């Protein structure tokens, strides 16, 4: 089955965690995922297992001004917004200073 281009939805019933994760992770795109559950442990487990750039739990909006915005796989590289966006413009430098004689 070809991977969807553009928006795609994967809906599953409670208890069907792994098949849903497998279908989401098999997609070539990976911008965002939405998890709806009453179980915080499940939300954290599923959120970590999904190969996407952003995960929203029990809310309709995944983005925030303070959070990095970006995807995984074919949905793009890097992040816009948040402190992670600054890394592209920074260069690490090491400065070693000895004691003056």
C-alpha atoms as a PDB file:
ATOM      1  CA  UNK A   1       0.000   0.000   0.000  1.00  0.00           C
ATOM      2  CA  UNK A   2       1.510   3.371  -0.993  1.00  0.00           C
ATOM      3  CA  UNK A   3       2.197   5.963   1.669  1.00  0.00           C
ATOM      4  CA  UNK A   4      -0.247   8.879   1.755  1.00  0.00           C
ATOM      5  CA  UNK A   5       0.843  12.314   0.587  1.00  0.00           C
ATOM      6  CA  UNK A   6      -0.582  15.145   2.617  1.00  0.00           C
ATOM      7  CA  UNK A   7      -2.785  14.664   5.642  1.00  0.00           C
ATOM      8  CA  UNK A   8      -3.538  11.125   6.767  1.00  0.00           C
ATOM      9  CA  UNK A   9      -5.451   9.746   9.728  1.00  0.00           C
ATOM     10  CA  UNK A  10      -5.037   6.506  11.641  1.00  0.00           C
ATOM     11  CA  UNK A  11      -7.779   5.784  14.154  1.00  0.00           C
ATOM     12  CA  UNK A  12      -7.852   2.762  16.394  1.00  0.00           C
ATOM     13  CA  UNK A  13      -9.753   1.364  19.344  1.00  0.00           C
ATOM     14  CA  UNK A  14      -8.367   1.039  22.827  1.00  0.00           C
ATOM     15  CA  UNK A  15      -6.085  -1.951  23.129  1.00  0.00           C
ATOM     16  CA  UNK A  16      -4.951  -1.757  19.500  1.00  0.00           C
ATOM     17  CA  UNK A  17      -1.737   0.116  20.265  1.00  0.00           C
ATOM     18  CA  UNK A  18       0.883  -1.841  18.329  1.00  0.00           C
ATOM     19  CA  UNK A  19      -0.949  -2.232  15.006  1.00  0.00           C
ATOM     20  CA  UNK A  20      -1.704   1.492  14.989  1.00  0.00           C
ATOM     21  CA  UNK A  21       1.906   2.374  15.760  1.00  0.00           C
ATOM     22  CA  UNK A  22       3.114   0.076  13.002  1.00  0.00           C
ATOM     23  CA  UNK A  23       0.790   1.707  10.440  1.00  0.00           C
ATOM     24  CA  UNK A  24       1.818   5.225  11.466  1.00  0.00           C
ATOM     25  CA  UNK A  25       5.528   4.384  11.479  1.00  0.00           C
ATOM     26  CA  UNK A  26       5.266   2.722   8.054  1.00  0.00           C
ATOM     27  CA  UNK A  27       4.223   6.016   6.435  1.00  0.00           C
ATOM     28  CA  UNK A  28       6.862   7.970   4.541  1.00  0.00           C
ATOM     29  CA  UNK A  29       5.634  11.161   6.213  1.00  0.00           C
ATOM     30  CA  UNK A  30       5.813  11.959   9.917  1.00  0.00           C
ATOM     31  CA  UNK A  31       4.818  15.499  10.809  1.00  0.00           C
ATOM     32  CA  UNK A  32       2.499  14.929  13.770  1.00  0.00           C
ATOM     33  CA  UNK A  33       0.413  12.370  15.627  1.00  0.00           C
ATOM     34  CA  UNK A  34      -2.497  12.709  18.016  1.00  0.00           C
ATOM     35  CA  UNK A  35      -3.074  10.343  20.930  1.00  0.00           C
ATOM     36  CA  UNK A  36      -6.313  10.288  22.901  1.00  0.00           C
ATOM     37  CA  UNK A  37      -6.303   8.233  26.099  1.00  0.00           C
ATOM     38  CA  UNK A  38      -7.100   8.408  29.809  1.00  0.00           C
ATOM     39  CA  UNK A  39      -3.925   6.472  30.629  1.00  0.00           C
ATOM     40  CA  UNK A  40      -0.843   8.700  31.022  1.00  0.00           C
ATOM     41  CA  UNK A  41       1.537   5.728  30.870  1.00  0.00           C
ATOM     42  CA  UNK A  42       0.000   4.695  27.536  1.00  0.00           C
ATOM     43  CA  UNK A  43       0.232   8.258  26.202  1.00  0.00           C
ATOM     44  CA  UNK A  44       3.939   8.438  27.062  1.00  0.00           C
ATOM     45  CA  UNK A  45       4.657   4.954  25.692  1.00  0.00           C
ATOM     46  CA  UNK A  46       2.830   5.557  22.414  1.00  0.00           C
ATOM     47  CA  UNK A  47       4.247   9.065  22.054  1.00  0.00           C
ATOM     48  CA  UNK A  48       7.783   7.695  22.320  1.00  0.00           C
ATOM     49  CA  UNK A  49       7.093   4.841  19.892  1.00  0.00           C
ATOM     50  CA  UNK A  50       5.672   6.963  17.058  1.00  0.00           C
ATOM     51  CA  UNK A  51       8.177   8.064  14.410  1.00  0.00           C
ATOM     52  CA  UNK A  52       6.856  11.612  14.008  1.00  0.00           C
ATOM     53  CA  UNK A  53       8.167  15.063  14.814  1.00  0.00           C
ATOM     54  CA  UNK A  54       5.388  16.118  17.210  1.00  0.00           C
ATOM     55  CA  UNK A  55       2.790  14.315  19.314  1.00  0.00           C
ATOM     56  CA  UNK A  56      -0.310  15.890  20.866  1.00  0.00           C
ATOM     57  CA  UNK A  57      -2.006  14.067  23.731  1.00  0.00           C
ATOM     58  CA  UNK A  58      -5.700  14.714  24.363  1.00  0.00           C
ATOM     59  CA  UNK A  59      -5.734  17.986  22.451  1.00  0.00           C
ATOM     60  CA  UNK A  60      -6.470  19.078  18.924  1.00  0.00           C
ATOM     61  CA  UNK A  61      -3.524  21.424  18.478  1.00  0.00           C
ATOM     62  CA  UNK A  62       0.000  20.086  18.511  1.00  0.00           C
ATOM     63  CA  UNK A  63       1.894  23.340  17.948  1.00  0.00           C
ATOM     64  CA  UNK A  64       2.864  26.057  20.394  1.00  0.00           C
ATOM     65  CA  UNK A  65       4.974  29.195  20.044  1.00  0.00           C
ATOM     66  CA  UNK A  66       7.409  27.891  22.662  1.00  0.00           C
ATOM     67  CA  UNK A  67       7.734  24.411  21.161  1.00  0.00           C
ATOM     68  CA  UNK A  68       9.866  23.307  18.211  1.00  0.00           C
ATOM     69  CA  UNK A  69       7.828  22.664  15.049  1.00  0.00           C
ATOM     70  CA  UNK A  70       8.979  20.040  12.565  1.00  0.00           C
ATOM     71  CA  UNK A  71       8.508  16.554  11.275  1.00  0.00           C
ATOM     72  CA  UNK A  72      10.350  13.307  10.743  1.00  0.00           C
ATOM     73  CA  UNK A  73      11.090  11.242   7.644  1.00  0.00           C
ATOM     74  CA  UNK A  74       9.598  12.871   4.518  1.00  0.00           C
ATOM     75  CA  UNK A  75       7.990  15.653   6.535  1.00  0.00           C
ATOM     76  CA  UNK A  76      11.217  17.588   6.815  1.00  0.00           C
ATOM     77  CA  UNK A  77      14.449  18.039   8.685  1.00  0.00           C
ATOM     78  CA  UNK A  78      15.168  20.490  11.467  1.00  0.00           C
ATOM     79  CA  UNK A  79      12.890  22.484  13.690  1.00  0.00           C
ATOM     80  CA  UNK A  80      11.356  25.934  13.498  1.00  0.00           C
ATOM     81  CA  UNK A  81      10.485  27.769  16.693  1.00  0.00           C
ATOM     82  CA  UNK A  82      11.511  27.046  20.240  1.00  0.00           C
ATOM     83  CA  UNK A  83      15.101  26.815  21.449  1.00  0.00           C
ATOM     84  CA  UNK A  84      15.918  23.920  19.089  1.00  0.00           C
ATOM     85  CA  UNK A  85      15.562  26.243  16.085  1.00  0.00           C
ATOM     86  CA  UNK A  86      18.618  28.225  17.234  1.00  0.00           C
ATOM     87  CA  UNK A  87      20.996  25.280  16.869  1.00  0.00           C
ATOM     88  CA  UNK A  88      21.264  25.814  13.105  1.00  0.00           C
ATOM     89  CA  UNK A  89      22.702  29.285  13.754  1.00  0.00           C
ATOM     90  CA  UNK A  90      25.135  28.395  16.543  1.00  0.00           C
ATOM     91  CA  UNK A  91      28.673  27.102  16.370  1.00  0.00           C
ATOM     92  CA  UNK A  92      30.234  25.385  19.366  1.00  0.00           C
ATOM     93  CA  UNK A  93      33.634  26.704  20.346  1.00  0.00           C
ATOM     94  CA  UNK A  94      36.029  25.444  22.997  1.00  0.00           C
ATOM     95  CA  UNK A  95      38.284  27.970  24.706  1.00  0.00           C
ATOM     96  CA  UNK A  96      41.033  26.680  26.989  1.00  0.00           C
ATOM     97  CA  UNK A  97      42.711  29.205  29.262  1.00  0.00           C
ATOM     98  CA  UNK A  98      45.899  28.469  31.144  1.00  0.00           C
ATOM     99  CA  UNK A  99      47.307  30.211  34.148  1.00  0.00           C
ATOM    100  CA  UNK A 100      49.528  33.217  33.345  1.00  0.00           C
ATOM    101  CA  UNK A 101      53.201  32.738  34.248  1.00  0.00           C
END
